[in-house]
Amino acid sequence: MPTAPPGCEAQLVERYGLLMTLTDVAEALRYPSTQAARKARLRGALPVQLVQIPNRRGWWAMTRAVAQFLDSLEATAKEGPS
């Protein structure tokens, strides 16, 4: 039987699936709105890479990438202030 991925990936995959829409990313990363996440993407400030899928509308992120970013925040917090 496969083991669950470490960190929050299993929870995110259960909720969103393997791909997340920009709206899903905004929700998971606690942006105040999808528009705020869209602006962060345009400024290059969104912490995960988004891609466009041929014949699909909108921007998408791999759920694993979002989980890895969130896990990195947790690791940074455990290290303490620099």
Protein backbone atom coordinates (compact mmCIF):
# COMPACT_ATOMS: atom_id res chain seq x y z
CA MET A 1 0.00 0.00 0.00
CA PRO A 2 1.47 3.43 -0.94
CA THR A 3 2.33 5.79 1.87
CA ALA A 4 0.94 9.31 2.08
CA PRO A 5 3.24 12.07 0.84
CA PRO A 6 4.99 14.05 3.57
CA GLY A 7 3.71 17.36 4.85
CA CYS A 8 0.54 18.90 3.56
CA GLU A 9 0.63 17.39 0.06
CA ALA A 10 -1.84 14.60 0.87
CA GLN A 11 -4.36 17.07 2.25
CA LEU A 12 -4.04 19.38 -0.75
CA VAL A 13 -4.32 16.51 -3.24
CA GLU A 14 -7.40 15.22 -1.45
CA ARG A 15 -9.02 18.64 -1.60
CA TYR A 16 -7.91 19.93 -5.02
CA GLY A 17 -6.55 16.98 -6.99
CA LEU A 18 -3.19 16.96 -8.78
CA LEU A 19 -3.75 20.35 -10.45
CA MET A 20 -4.86 23.56 -8.80
CA THR A 21 -6.51 26.51 -10.50
CA LEU A 22 -5.32 30.02 -9.75
CA THR A 23 -8.38 30.37 -7.50
CA ASP A 24 -7.33 27.22 -5.60
CA VAL A 25 -3.77 28.54 -5.25
CA ALA A 26 -5.07 31.88 -3.95
CA GLU A 27 -7.18 30.05 -1.37
CA ALA A 28 -4.40 27.67 -0.27
CA LEU A 29 -1.84 30.47 0.04
CA ARG A 30 -4.37 32.76 1.76
CA TYR A 31 -4.33 35.56 -0.79
CA PRO A 32 -7.21 37.97 -0.09
CA SER A 33 -8.66 37.28 -3.55
CA THR A 34 -7.99 35.55 -6.84
CA GLN A 35 -7.29 38.98 -8.31
CA ALA A 36 -4.52 39.54 -5.74
CA ALA A 37 -2.94 36.21 -6.73
CA ARG A 38 -3.29 37.15 -10.41
CA LYS A 39 -1.46 40.43 -9.78
CA ALA A 40 1.26 38.61 -7.82
CA ARG A 41 1.73 36.28 -10.82
CA LEU A 42 2.05 39.27 -13.17
CA ARG A 43 4.66 40.88 -10.87
CA GLY A 44 6.56 37.59 -10.61
CA ALA A 45 5.85 37.47 -6.89
CA LEU A 46 3.73 34.31 -6.78
CA PRO A 47 5.85 31.68 -5.00
CA VAL A 48 4.78 28.79 -7.26
CA GLN A 49 5.03 28.35 -11.01
CA LEU A 50 1.79 28.52 -12.99
CA VAL A 51 1.31 27.07 -16.45
CA GLN A 52 -1.34 27.21 -19.12
CA ILE A 53 -2.69 23.90 -20.39
CA PRO A 54 -3.45 23.65 -24.11
CA ASN A 55 -7.18 23.86 -24.84
CA ARG A 56 -7.93 24.81 -21.22
CA ARG A 57 -8.73 28.24 -19.91
CA GLY A 58 -6.80 29.84 -17.07
CA TRP A 59 -3.60 29.21 -15.15
CA TRP A 60 -2.73 26.01 -13.25
CA ALA A 61 -0.22 24.90 -10.64
CA MET A 62 0.89 21.44 -9.65
CA THR A 63 -0.47 20.68 -6.20
CA ARG A 64 2.89 19.19 -5.28
CA ALA A 65 4.61 22.55 -5.94
CA VAL A 66 2.17 24.38 -3.65
CA ALA A 67 2.68 21.76 -0.93
CA GLN A 68 6.47 22.01 -1.26
CA PHE A 69 6.28 25.79 -0.86
CA LEU A 70 4.10 25.48 2.25
CA ASP A 71 6.43 22.82 3.68
CA SER A 72 9.41 25.13 3.06
CA LEU A 73 7.66 27.83 5.09
CA GLU A 74 7.28 25.39 7.96
CA ALA A 75 10.95 24.41 7.74
CA THR A 76 11.99 28.07 7.73
CA ALA A 77 9.81 28.75 10.78
CA LYS A 78 11.43 25.86 12.66
CA GLU A 79 14.90 27.32 12.01
CA GLY A 80 13.90 30.48 13.83
CA PRO A 81 14.69 34.11 13.04
CA SER A 82 18.03 34.85 11.41
